[in-house]
Protein backbone atom coordinates (compact mmCIF):
# COMPACT_ATOMS: atom_id res chain seq x y z
CA MET A 1 27.22 4.95 -7.53
CA ILE A 2 24.04 3.43 -9.00
CA GLU A 3 20.73 4.70 -7.61
CA ARG A 4 18.02 2.08 -7.48
CA SER A 5 14.41 3.25 -7.93
CA PHE A 6 10.92 1.68 -7.78
CA GLU A 7 7.25 2.24 -7.91
CA ILE A 8 4.49 1.65 -5.74
CA ASP A 9 1.12 0.71 -7.44
CA ILE A 10 -2.47 1.20 -6.00
CA GLU A 11 -5.22 -0.73 -7.21
CA GLU A 12 -8.78 0.37 -6.15
CA HIS A 13 -11.57 -2.24 -6.06
CA MET A 14 -15.02 -2.11 -4.74
CA GLY A 15 -14.58 -1.94 -1.14
CA PHE A 16 -10.94 -2.46 -0.92
CA VAL A 17 -7.53 -1.26 -2.04
CA ARG A 18 -4.25 -3.11 -2.78
CA VAL A 19 -0.88 -1.30 -2.23
CA LEU A 20 1.73 -3.28 -3.83
CA MET A 21 5.37 -2.87 -5.52
CA GLY A 22 5.40 -2.16 -9.21
CA ARG A 23 8.66 -2.09 -11.21
CA GLY A 24 11.95 -1.68 -9.71
CA GLU A 25 13.72 -2.75 -6.58
CA PRO A 26 13.38 -0.92 -3.21
CA THR A 27 16.65 0.42 -1.59
CA GLY A 28 15.21 -0.22 2.02
CA GLU A 29 12.38 -2.08 3.82
CA LEU A 30 9.38 -2.32 1.38
CA ALA A 31 6.69 -2.31 4.21
CA GLN A 32 7.69 1.28 5.37
CA PHE A 33 7.19 2.53 1.63
CA LEU A 34 3.86 0.56 1.39
CA SER A 35 2.40 1.99 4.61
CA ALA A 36 3.33 5.46 3.78
CA THR A 37 1.61 5.15 0.36
CA LEU A 38 -1.43 3.79 2.03
CA ALA A 39 -1.46 6.56 4.62
CA GLN A 40 -1.28 9.26 1.79
CA TRP A 41 -4.22 7.39 0.02
CA ILE A 42 -6.41 7.59 3.12
CA ASP A 43 -5.53 11.20 3.60
CA GLN A 44 -6.76 11.72 0.02
CA HIS A 45 -10.10 9.82 0.61
CA PRO A 46 -11.36 11.51 3.77
CA GLU A 47 -15.11 10.29 2.88
CA LEU A 48 -13.75 6.58 3.56
CA ARG A 49 -13.30 4.64 6.79
CA ILE A 50 -10.63 1.95 6.92
CA LEU A 51 -12.10 -1.25 8.34
CA ALA A 52 -9.06 -3.48 8.30
CA VAL A 53 -5.70 -3.70 6.76
CA VAL A 54 -3.68 -6.87 6.18
CA PRO A 55 -0.18 -7.24 5.20
CA ILE A 56 0.67 -9.83 2.51
CA ASN A 57 3.92 -11.36 3.26
CA ARG A 58 6.42 -13.69 1.17
CA ASP A 59 9.61 -15.13 2.70
CA GLY A 60 9.04 -13.22 5.83
CA ASP A 61 8.85 -9.81 4.08
CA THR A 62 5.65 -7.69 3.66
CA VAL A 63 5.18 -7.21 -0.15
CA GLU A 64 1.44 -5.86 -0.30
CA LEU A 65 -1.02 -4.42 1.86
CA HIS A 66 -4.59 -4.81 1.42
CA ALA A 67 -7.12 -2.51 3.08
CA TRP A 68 -10.92 -2.69 3.31
CA PHE A 69 -13.06 0.41 3.51
CA GLU A 70 -16.69 1.76 3.66
CA GLN A 71 -18.07 5.06 2.95
CA ARG A 72 -18.55 7.40 6.02
CA SER A 73 -22.28 8.02 6.92
């Protein structure tokens, strides 16, 4: 049995973060892995407040998540 693996990348920018697939091929629905990765990133940054999250779709599948945030006051 061949086990497939893949990576999820996180790119932090000024005011937004991108969660996207890196190398490899997912064994299940990618959107679930992207969402879990974003949730983990949010937990690691309690000083930030998420303003909006937008899924990026290709051929009907979610392939990236973009999330905008601001510093909590």
